Amino acid sequence: MSSSDIFTSEFIGTMVLVLLGGGVCAAVNLKRSKAFEAGWVAVAFGWGFAVLTGAYISQTSGAHLNPAVTLGIAIKGDTDWGDVPVYVGAQILGAMAGAILVWITYYAQFEATLKTPEAAEQKAANPGQVHGVFFTSPEVRKPLLNLLTEVIATFVLILAILTQGLVKDADGTVGLGKMGALITALVVVGIGLSLGGPTGYAINPVRDLGPRIVHALLPLPNKGGSDWTYAWVPVFGPLIGAAIAGGVYNLAWG
């Protein structure tokens, strides 16, 4: 597979992943949305279906959609390390594009949520409803524990992916097949319900970093800061978890 094929597939798949995943967060968090305050179960299932849809769309590139997945598969030995930057570059740009589409889709709801006296009062504080659309935040801010939570949750995700039997297509690309995409989507729902409470379970560096960059750039009134002091946790936690999962897989089954 050419680098352009990988880039196109991963860009579009990750864009759809973040559009649907960020979309359920917007639906639940923003005022004047029909799903306002639908709750955590809706978020967990929304992200699971987002993974499923993005993975089916990006079958051509193996449906990584996540630098942690790419890293885990590379450590296992099924992805050329030279292709890793292409995967990651496409994923980060796709995540940014998806976040912009969420903003466009929910533009009226962002306006209704942010253009209020309450939001203006919180301008220097933390308008969490909008933050929750774009990036993760811990319920209890203890960075090392938050990092450990992301490591554990991502370890489960990557180990599940590596042990389910990845599919190799005719040109040698390795990734999730159609059944693998379904299994992984269900694993994501399970992680959200079981392990997502402490940090909001990024388990994907670009799912958090891409929308966080977009949040910083968008002209949203009273949006507050983008919490860059925490941003390293949902980036490095998933990568560490993926590296451990890849190592464990090679030791146990490689």
C-alpha atoms as a PDB file:
ATOM      1  CA  MET A   1       0.000   0.000   0.000  1.00  0.00           C
ATOM      2  CA  SER A   2       1.274   3.472  -0.832  1.00  0.00           C
ATOM      3  CA  SER A   3       1.756   6.167   1.792  1.00  0.00           C
ATOM      4  CA  SER A   4      -0.990   8.229   0.145  1.00  0.00           C
ATOM      5  CA  ASP A   5      -3.437   5.318   0.447  1.00  0.00           C
ATOM      6  CA  ILE A   6      -2.615   4.918   4.130  1.00  0.00           C
ATOM      7  CA  PHE A   7      -2.910   8.656   4.725  1.00  0.00           C
ATOM      8  CA  THR A   8      -6.256   9.019   2.950  1.00  0.00           C
ATOM      9  CA  SER A   9      -7.829   6.016   4.667  1.00  0.00           C
ATOM     10  CA  GLU A  10      -6.615   6.931   8.150  1.00  0.00           C
ATOM     11  CA  PHE A  11      -7.494  10.615   7.733  1.00  0.00           C
ATOM     12  CA  ILE A  12     -11.088   9.920   6.712  1.00  0.00           C
ATOM     13  CA  GLY A  13     -11.591   7.124   9.248  1.00  0.00           C
ATOM     14  CA  THR A  14     -10.237   9.188  12.143  1.00  0.00           C
ATOM     15  CA  MET A  15     -12.250  12.205  11.040  1.00  0.00           C
ATOM     16  CA  VAL A  16     -15.460  10.159  11.215  1.00  0.00           C
ATOM     17  CA  LEU A  17     -14.387   8.613  14.525  1.00  0.00           C
ATOM     18  CA  VAL A  18     -13.952  12.030  16.147  1.00  0.00           C
ATOM     19  CA  LEU A  19     -17.020  13.488  14.430  1.00  0.00           C
ATOM     20  CA  LEU A  20     -19.273  10.793  15.909  1.00  0.00           C
ATOM     21  CA  GLY A  21     -17.426  10.513  19.233  1.00  0.00           C
ATOM     22  CA  GLY A  22     -17.182  14.246  19.748  1.00  0.00           C
ATOM     23  CA  GLY A  23     -20.726  14.482  18.461  1.00  0.00           C
ATOM     24  CA  VAL A  24     -22.132  12.317  21.249  1.00  0.00           C
ATOM     25  CA  CYS A  25     -20.186  14.398  23.773  1.00  0.00           C
ATOM     26  CA  ALA A  26     -21.698  17.556  22.274  1.00  0.00           C
ATOM     27  CA  ALA A  27     -25.172  16.017  22.282  1.00  0.00           C
ATOM     28  CA  VAL A  28     -24.908  15.151  25.967  1.00  0.00           C
ATOM     29  CA  ASN A  29     -23.066  18.266  27.181  1.00  0.00           C
ATOM     30  CA  LEU A  30     -24.518  21.216  25.268  1.00  0.00           C
ATOM     31  CA  LYS A  31     -27.756  23.018  26.080  1.00  0.00           C
ATOM     32  CA  ARG A  32     -30.607  22.936  23.564  1.00  0.00           C
ATOM     33  CA  SER A  33     -29.522  19.489  22.359  1.00  0.00           C
ATOM     34  CA  LYS A  34     -32.195  16.808  22.375  1.00  0.00           C
ATOM     35  CA  ALA A  35     -29.747  14.459  24.138  1.00  0.00           C
ATOM     36  CA  PHE A  36     -28.697  17.006  26.784  1.00  0.00           C
ATOM     37  CA  GLU A  37     -27.725  15.236  30.029  1.00  0.00           C
ATOM     38  CA  ALA A  38     -28.350  11.776  28.541  1.00  0.00           C
ATOM     39  CA  GLY A  39     -25.509  10.478  30.679  1.00  0.00           C
ATOM     40  CA  TRP A  40     -22.337   8.423  30.638  1.00  0.00           C
ATOM     41  CA  VAL A  41     -23.866   5.283  29.139  1.00  0.00           C
ATOM     42  CA  ALA A  42     -24.837   7.274  26.038  1.00  0.00           C
ATOM     43  CA  VAL A  43     -21.279   8.601  25.781  1.00  0.00           C
ATOM     44  CA  ALA A  44     -19.732   5.123  26.110  1.00  0.00           C
ATOM     45  CA  PHE A  45     -21.975   3.594  23.454  1.00  0.00           C
ATOM     46  CA  GLY A  46     -21.604   6.645  21.211  1.00  0.00           C
ATOM     47  CA  TRP A  47     -17.837   6.268  21.226  1.00  0.00           C
ATOM     48  CA  GLY A  48     -18.146   2.536  20.590  1.00  0.00           C
ATOM     49  CA  PHE A  49     -20.271   3.147  17.503  1.00  0.00           C
ATOM     50  CA  ALA A  50     -17.851   5.901  16.445  1.00  0.00           C
ATOM     51  CA  VAL A  51     -14.982   3.396  16.526  1.00  0.00           C
ATOM     52  CA  LEU A  52     -17.070   0.854  14.608  1.00  0.00           C
ATOM     53  CA  THR A  53     -18.000   3.311  11.852  1.00  0.00           C
ATOM     54  CA  GLY A  54     -14.514   4.766  11.495  1.00  0.00           C
ATOM     55  CA  ALA A  55     -12.973   1.293  11.409  1.00  0.00           C
ATOM     56  CA  TYR A  56     -15.294   0.064   8.665  1.00  0.00           C
ATOM     57  CA  ILE A  57     -14.577   3.159   6.590  1.00  0.00           C
ATOM     58  CA  SER A  58     -10.791   2.778   6.919  1.00  0.00           C
ATOM     59  CA  GLN A  59     -10.456  -0.956   6.193  1.00  0.00           C
ATOM     60  CA  THR A  60      -7.991  -0.134   3.391  1.00  0.00           C
ATOM     61  CA  SER A  61      -5.279   0.960   5.851  1.00  0.00           C
ATOM     62  CA  GLY A  62      -6.087  -1.614   8.532  1.00  0.00           C
ATOM     63  CA  ALA A  63      -8.317   0.759  10.526  1.00  0.00           C
ATOM     64  CA  HIS A  64      -5.766   1.851  13.111  1.00  0.00           C
ATOM     65  CA  LEU A  65      -7.325   5.311  13.787  1.00  0.00           C
ATOM     66  CA  ASN A  66      -5.155   5.659  16.878  1.00  0.00           C
ATOM     67  CA  PRO A  67      -1.373   6.089  17.336  1.00  0.00           C
ATOM     68  CA  ALA A  68      -1.563   3.655  20.263  1.00  0.00           C
ATOM     69  CA  VAL A  69      -2.972   0.980  17.941  1.00  0.00           C
ATOM     70  CA  THR A  70      -0.322   1.751  15.322  1.00  0.00           C
ATOM     71  CA  LEU A  71       2.416   1.539  17.963  1.00  0.00           C
ATOM     72  CA  GLY A  72       1.112  -1.744  19.363  1.00  0.00           C
ATOM     73  CA  ILE A  73       0.906  -3.362  15.925  1.00  0.00           C
ATOM     74  CA  ALA A  74       4.386  -2.057  15.038  1.00  0.00           C
ATOM     75  CA  ILE A  75       5.852  -3.525  18.230  1.00  0.00           C
ATOM     76  CA  LYS A  76       4.133  -6.817  17.411  1.00  0.00           C
ATOM     77  CA  GLY A  77       5.977  -6.625  14.082  1.00  0.00           C
ATOM     78  CA  ASP A  78       3.026  -6.339  11.727  1.00  0.00           C
ATOM     79  CA  THR A  79       3.432  -2.690  10.675  1.00  0.00           C
ATOM     80  CA  ASP A  80       6.542  -1.242   9.037  1.00  0.00           C
ATOM     81  CA  TRP A  81       8.073   1.389  11.344  1.00  0.00           C
ATOM     82  CA  GLY A  82       8.584   3.576   8.292  1.00  0.00           C
ATOM     83  CA  ASP A  83       4.795   3.799   7.872  1.00  0.00           C
ATOM     84  CA  VAL A  84       4.185   4.858  11.475  1.00  0.00           C
ATOM     85  CA  PRO A  85       4.659   8.631  10.854  1.00  0.00           C
ATOM     86  CA  VAL A  86       2.196   8.449   7.944  1.00  0.00           C
ATOM     87  CA  TYR A  87      -0.412   6.763  10.128  1.00  0.00           C
ATOM     88  CA  VAL A  88       0.071   9.211  12.996  1.00  0.00           C
ATOM     89  CA  GLY A  89       0.107  12.302  10.768  1.00  0.00           C
ATOM     90  CA  ALA A  90      -3.135  11.263   9.096  1.00  0.00           C
ATOM     91  CA  GLN A  91      -4.722  10.470  12.457  1.00  0.00           C
ATOM     92  CA  ILE A  92      -3.923  13.819  14.069  1.00  0.00           C
ATOM     93  CA  LEU A  93      -5.142  15.804  11.055  1.00  0.00           C
ATOM     94  CA  GLY A  94      -8.259  13.635  10.768  1.00  0.00           C
ATOM     95  CA  ALA A  95      -9.021  14.192  14.450  1.00  0.00           C
ATOM     96  CA  MET A  96      -8.745  17.949  13.966  1.00  0.00           C
ATOM     97  CA  ALA A  97     -11.052  17.830  10.940  1.00  0.00           C
ATOM     98  CA  GLY A  98     -13.582  15.762  12.892  1.00  0.00           C
ATOM     99  CA  ALA A  99     -13.569  18.267  15.756  1.00  0.00           C
ATOM    100  CA  ILE A 100     -14.230  21.119  13.321  1.00  0.00           C
ATOM    101  CA  LEU A 101     -17.209  19.197  11.909  1.00  0.00           C
ATOM    102  CA  VAL A 102     -18.581  18.728  15.425  1.00  0.00           C
ATOM    103  CA  TRP A 103     -18.363  22.489  15.927  1.00  0.00           C
ATOM    104  CA  ILE A 104     -20.204  23.139  12.657  1.00  0.00           C
ATOM    105  CA  THR A 105     -22.893  20.539  13.410  1.00  0.00           C
ATOM    106  CA  TYR A 106     -23.552  21.863  16.906  1.00  0.00           C
ATOM    107  CA  TYR A 107     -22.887  25.539  16.201  1.00  0.00           C
ATOM    108  CA  ALA A 108     -26.266  26.687  17.535  1.00  0.00           C
ATOM    109  CA  GLN A 109     -25.846  24.582  20.689  1.00  0.00           C
ATOM    110  CA  PHE A 110     -22.369  26.008  21.321  1.00  0.00           C
ATOM    111  CA  GLU A 111     -23.869  29.479  21.016  1.00  0.00           C
ATOM    112  CA  ALA A 112     -26.722  28.638  23.388  1.00  0.00           C
ATOM    113  CA  THR A 113     -24.308  27.180  25.935  1.00  0.00           C
ATOM    114  CA  LEU A 114     -21.587  29.828  25.805  1.00  0.00           C
ATOM    115  CA  LYS A 115     -23.472  33.059  25.207  1.00  0.00           C
ATOM    116  CA  THR A 116     -25.066  33.166  28.643  1.00  0.00           C
ATOM    117  CA  PRO A 117     -24.314  35.245  31.751  1.00  0.00           C
ATOM    118  CA  GLU A 118     -23.204  32.079  33.536  1.00  0.00           C
ATOM    119  CA  ALA A 119     -20.686  31.253  30.811  1.00  0.00           C
ATOM    120  CA  ALA A 120     -19.358  34.805  30.867  1.00  0.00           C
ATOM    121  CA  GLU A 121     -18.786  34.521  34.617  1.00  0.00           C
ATOM    122  CA  GLN A 122     -16.880  31.271  34.069  1.00  0.00           C
ATOM    123  CA  LYS A 123     -14.677  32.694  31.324  1.00  0.00           C
ATOM    124  CA  ALA A 124     -11.589  32.641  33.537  1.00  0.00           C
ATOM    125  CA  ALA A 125     -12.582  29.339  35.129  1.00  0.00           C
ATOM    126  CA  ASN A 126     -13.622  26.061  33.484  1.00  0.00           C
ATOM    127  CA  PRO A 127     -16.710  25.866  31.232  1.00  0.00           C
ATOM    128  CA  GLY A 128     -16.678  22.090  31.500  1.00  0.00           C
ATOM    129  CA  GLN A 129     -19.641  21.449  29.222  1.00  0.00           C
ATOM    130  CA  VAL A 130     -17.680  22.717  26.226  1.00  0.00           C
ATOM    131  CA  HIS A 131     -14.367  21.244  27.344  1.00  0.00           C
ATOM    132  CA  GLY A 132     -16.024  17.824  27.471  1.00  0.00           C
ATOM    133  CA  VAL A 133     -16.889  18.047  23.783  1.00  0.00           C
ATOM    134  CA  PHE A 134     -13.286  18.508  22.704  1.00  0.00           C
ATOM    135  CA  PHE A 135     -10.982  16.837  25.205  1.00  0.00           C
ATOM    136  CA  THR A 136     -10.796  14.735  28.341  1.00  0.00           C
ATOM    137  CA  SER A 137     -10.434  15.996  31.895  1.00  0.00           C
ATOM    138  CA  PRO A 138      -9.990  14.041  35.130  1.00  0.00           C
ATOM    139  CA  GLU A 139     -12.639  14.026  37.824  1.00  0.00           C
ATOM    140  CA  VAL A 140      -9.876  14.087  40.461  1.00  0.00           C
ATOM    141  CA  ARG A 141      -6.758  15.865  39.207  1.00  0.00           C
ATOM    142  CA  LYS A 142      -3.835  13.713  40.277  1.00  0.00           C
ATOM    143  CA  PRO A 143      -1.639  13.576  37.158  1.00  0.00           C
ATOM    144  CA  LEU A 144       0.315  10.412  37.973  1.00  0.00           C
ATOM    145  CA  LEU A 145      -2.827   8.491  38.906  1.00  0.00           C
ATOM    146  CA  ASN A 146      -4.590   9.908  35.848  1.00  0.00           C
ATOM    147  CA  LEU A 147      -1.653   8.760  33.710  1.00  0.00           C
ATOM    148  CA  LEU A 148      -1.824   5.288  35.252  1.00  0.00           C
ATOM    149  CA  THR A 149      -5.551   5.093  34.490  1.00  0.00           C
ATOM    150  CA  GLU A 150      -4.899   5.885  30.823  1.00  0.00           C
ATOM    151  CA  VAL A 151      -2.048   3.355  30.713  1.00  0.00           C
ATOM    152  CA  ILE A 152      -4.249   0.585  32.138  1.00  0.00           C
ATOM    153  CA  ALA A 153      -7.259   1.349  29.934  1.00  0.00           C
ATOM    154  CA  THR A 154      -5.150   1.512  26.772  1.00  0.00           C
ATOM    155  CA  PHE A 155      -3.272  -1.656  27.720  1.00  0.00           C
ATOM    156  CA  VAL A 156      -6.627  -3.479  27.752  1.00  0.00           C
ATOM    157  CA  LEU A 157      -7.601  -2.023  24.374  1.00  0.00           C
ATOM    158  CA  ILE A 158      -4.344  -2.830  22.595  1.00  0.00           C
ATOM    159  CA  LEU A 159      -3.988  -6.304  24.098  1.00  0.00           C
ATOM    160  CA  ALA A 160      -7.541  -7.070  22.989  1.00  0.00           C
ATOM    161  CA  ILE A 161      -6.711  -5.917  19.463  1.00  0.00           C
ATOM    162  CA  LEU A 162      -3.441  -7.851  19.245  1.00  0.00           C
ATOM    163  CA  THR A 163      -4.895 -11.120  20.560  1.00  0.00           C
ATOM    164  CA  GLN A 164      -8.103 -11.227  18.531  1.00  0.00           C
ATOM    165  CA  GLY A 165      -6.274 -12.092  15.320  1.00  0.00           C
ATOM    166  CA  LEU A 166      -5.418  -9.197  13.039  1.00  0.00           C
ATOM    167  CA  VAL A 167      -6.167  -9.467   9.322  1.00  0.00           C
ATOM    168  CA  LYS A 168      -3.506  -9.191   6.606  1.00  0.00           C
ATOM    169  CA  ASP A 169      -4.804  -8.193   3.185  1.00  0.00           C
ATOM    170  CA  ALA A 170      -3.335  -8.916  -0.237  1.00  0.00           C
ATOM    171  CA  ASP A 171      -0.844  -6.027  -0.146  1.00  0.00           C
ATOM    172  CA  GLY A 172       0.403  -6.945   3.326  1.00  0.00           C
ATOM    173  CA  THR A 173      -1.448  -4.297   5.329  1.00  0.00           C
ATOM    174  CA  VAL A 174      -2.294  -5.571   8.806  1.00  0.00           C
ATOM    175  CA  GLY A 175      -5.156  -4.270  10.924  1.00  0.00           C
ATOM    176  CA  LEU A 176      -8.713  -4.810  12.043  1.00  0.00           C
ATOM    177  CA  GLY A 177     -10.949  -6.815   9.750  1.00  0.00           C
ATOM    178  CA  LYS A 178     -14.718  -6.435   9.736  1.00  0.00           C
ATOM    179  CA  MET A 179     -15.240  -8.763  12.698  1.00  0.00           C
ATOM    180  CA  GLY A 180     -12.260  -7.246  14.484  1.00  0.00           C
ATOM    181  CA  ALA A 181     -13.782  -3.787  14.131  1.00  0.00           C
ATOM    182  CA  LEU A 182     -16.975  -4.983  15.810  1.00  0.00           C
ATOM    183  CA  ILE A 183     -15.092  -6.664  18.652  1.00  0.00           C
ATOM    184  CA  THR A 184     -12.936  -3.580  19.186  1.00  0.00           C
ATOM    185  CA  ALA A 185     -15.982  -1.309  19.262  1.00  0.00           C
ATOM    186  CA  LEU A 186     -17.491  -3.459  22.010  1.00  0.00           C
ATOM    187  CA  VAL A 187     -14.198  -3.394  23.917  1.00  0.00           C
ATOM    188  CA  VAL A 188     -14.222   0.418  23.714  1.00  0.00           C
ATOM    189  CA  VAL A 189     -17.746   0.486  25.163  1.00  0.00           C
ATOM    190  CA  GLY A 190     -16.622  -1.846  27.939  1.00  0.00           C
ATOM    191  CA  ILE A 191     -13.577   0.281  28.728  1.00  0.00           C
ATOM    192  CA  GLY A 192     -15.739   3.385  28.835  1.00  0.00           C
ATOM    193  CA  LEU A 193     -18.219   1.837  31.246  1.00  0.00           C
ATOM    194  CA  SER A 194     -15.618   0.133  33.458  1.00  0.00           C
ATOM    195  CA  LEU A 195     -12.498   2.313  33.326  1.00  0.00           C
ATOM    196  CA  GLY A 196     -13.626   5.636  31.872  1.00  0.00           C
ATOM    197  CA  GLY A 197     -14.914   7.261  35.042  1.00  0.00           C
ATOM    198  CA  PRO A 198     -11.657   8.714  36.415  1.00  0.00           C
ATOM    199  CA  THR A 199     -10.330  10.482  33.279  1.00  0.00           C
ATOM    200  CA  GLY A 200     -12.894  10.203  30.489  1.00  0.00           C
ATOM    201  CA  TYR A 201     -10.771   7.478  28.835  1.00  0.00           C
ATOM    202  CA  ALA A 202      -8.889   9.091  25.961  1.00  0.00           C
ATOM    203  CA  ILE A 203      -7.133   5.774  25.094  1.00  0.00           C
ATOM    204  CA  ASN A 204      -6.133   7.526  21.869  1.00  0.00           C
ATOM    205  CA  PRO A 205      -3.647  10.416  21.814  1.00  0.00           C
ATOM    206  CA  VAL A 206      -5.088  12.132  18.738  1.00  0.00           C
ATOM    207  CA  ARG A 207      -8.696  11.787  19.918  1.00  0.00           C
ATOM    208  CA  ASP A 208      -7.685  14.208  22.688  1.00  0.00           C
ATOM    209  CA  LEU A 209      -4.868  16.276  21.186  1.00  0.00           C
ATOM    210  CA  GLY A 210      -6.469  17.027  17.811  1.00  0.00           C
ATOM    211  CA  PRO A 211      -9.736  18.415  19.234  1.00  0.00           C
ATOM    212  CA  ARG A 212      -7.794  20.227  21.986  1.00  0.00           C
ATOM    213  CA  ILE A 213      -5.833  22.102  19.310  1.00  0.00           C
ATOM    214  CA  VAL A 214      -9.094  22.918  17.518  1.00  0.00           C
ATOM    215  CA  HIS A 215     -10.639  24.153  20.778  1.00  0.00           C
ATOM    216  CA  ALA A 216      -7.679  26.491  21.234  1.00  0.00           C
ATOM    217  CA  LEU A 217      -8.096  27.881  17.701  1.00  0.00           C
ATOM    218  CA  LEU A 218     -11.880  28.154  17.337  1.00  0.00           C
ATOM    219  CA  PRO A 219     -13.533  31.555  17.928  1.00  0.00           C
ATOM    220  CA  LEU A 220     -15.798  30.287  20.713  1.00  0.00           C
ATOM    221  CA  PRO A 221     -16.891  32.988  23.176  1.00  0.00           C
ATOM    222  CA  ASN A 222     -16.250  32.363  26.882  1.00  0.00           C
ATOM    223  CA  LYS A 223     -14.712  28.984  26.071  1.00  0.00           C
ATOM    224  CA  GLY A 224     -12.016  29.120  28.751  1.00  0.00           C
ATOM    225  CA  GLY A 225      -8.529  27.730  28.331  1.00  0.00           C
ATOM    226  CA  SER A 226      -7.633  24.440  26.685  1.00  0.00           C
ATOM    227  CA  ASP A 227      -6.051  22.941  29.833  1.00  0.00           C
ATOM    228  CA  TRP A 228      -2.640  22.361  28.286  1.00  0.00           C
ATOM    229  CA  THR A 229      -1.120  21.508  31.661  1.00  0.00           C
ATOM    230  CA  TYR A 230      -3.079  18.222  31.561  1.00  0.00           C
ATOM    231  CA  ALA A 231      -2.715  17.534  27.823  1.00  0.00           C
ATOM    232  CA  TRP A 232       0.388  15.331  28.220  1.00  0.00           C
ATOM    233  CA  VAL A 233      -1.562  12.712  30.203  1.00  0.00           C
ATOM    234  CA  PRO A 234      -3.956  11.576  27.432  1.00  0.00           C
ATOM    235  CA  VAL A 235      -1.060  11.602  24.954  1.00  0.00           C
ATOM    236  CA  PHE A 236       1.632   9.713  26.840  1.00  0.00           C
ATOM    237  CA  GLY A 237      -0.659   7.435  28.870  1.00  0.00           C
ATOM    238  CA  PRO A 238      -2.087   5.641  25.820  1.00  0.00           C
ATOM    239  CA  LEU A 239       1.343   5.370  24.179  1.00  0.00           C
ATOM    240  CA  ILE A 240       2.849   3.818  27.314  1.00  0.00           C
ATOM    241  CA  GLY A 241      -0.098   1.433  27.614  1.00  0.00           C
ATOM    242  CA  ALA A 242       0.286   0.422  23.976  1.00  0.00           C
ATOM    243  CA  ALA A 243       4.026  -0.193  24.344  1.00  0.00           C
ATOM    244  CA  ILE A 244       3.437  -2.390  27.393  1.00  0.00           C
ATOM    245  CA  ALA A 245       0.672  -4.312  25.612  1.00  0.00           C
ATOM    246  CA  GLY A 246       2.908  -4.895  22.592  1.00  0.00           C
ATOM    247  CA  GLY A 247       5.709  -6.128  24.834  1.00  0.00           C
ATOM    248  CA  VAL A 248       3.413  -8.409  26.802  1.00  0.00           C
ATOM    249  CA  TYR A 249       1.999  -9.860  23.599  1.00  0.00           C
ATOM    250  CA  ASN A 250       5.473 -10.635  22.240  1.00  0.00           C
ATOM    251  CA  LEU A 251       6.563 -12.228  25.516  1.00  0.00           C
ATOM    252  CA  ALA A 252       3.408 -14.288  25.977  1.00  0.00           C
ATOM    253  CA  TRP A 253       2.430 -15.227  22.418  1.00  0.00           C
ATOM    254  CA  GLY A 254       5.069 -13.895  20.043  1.00  0.00           C
END
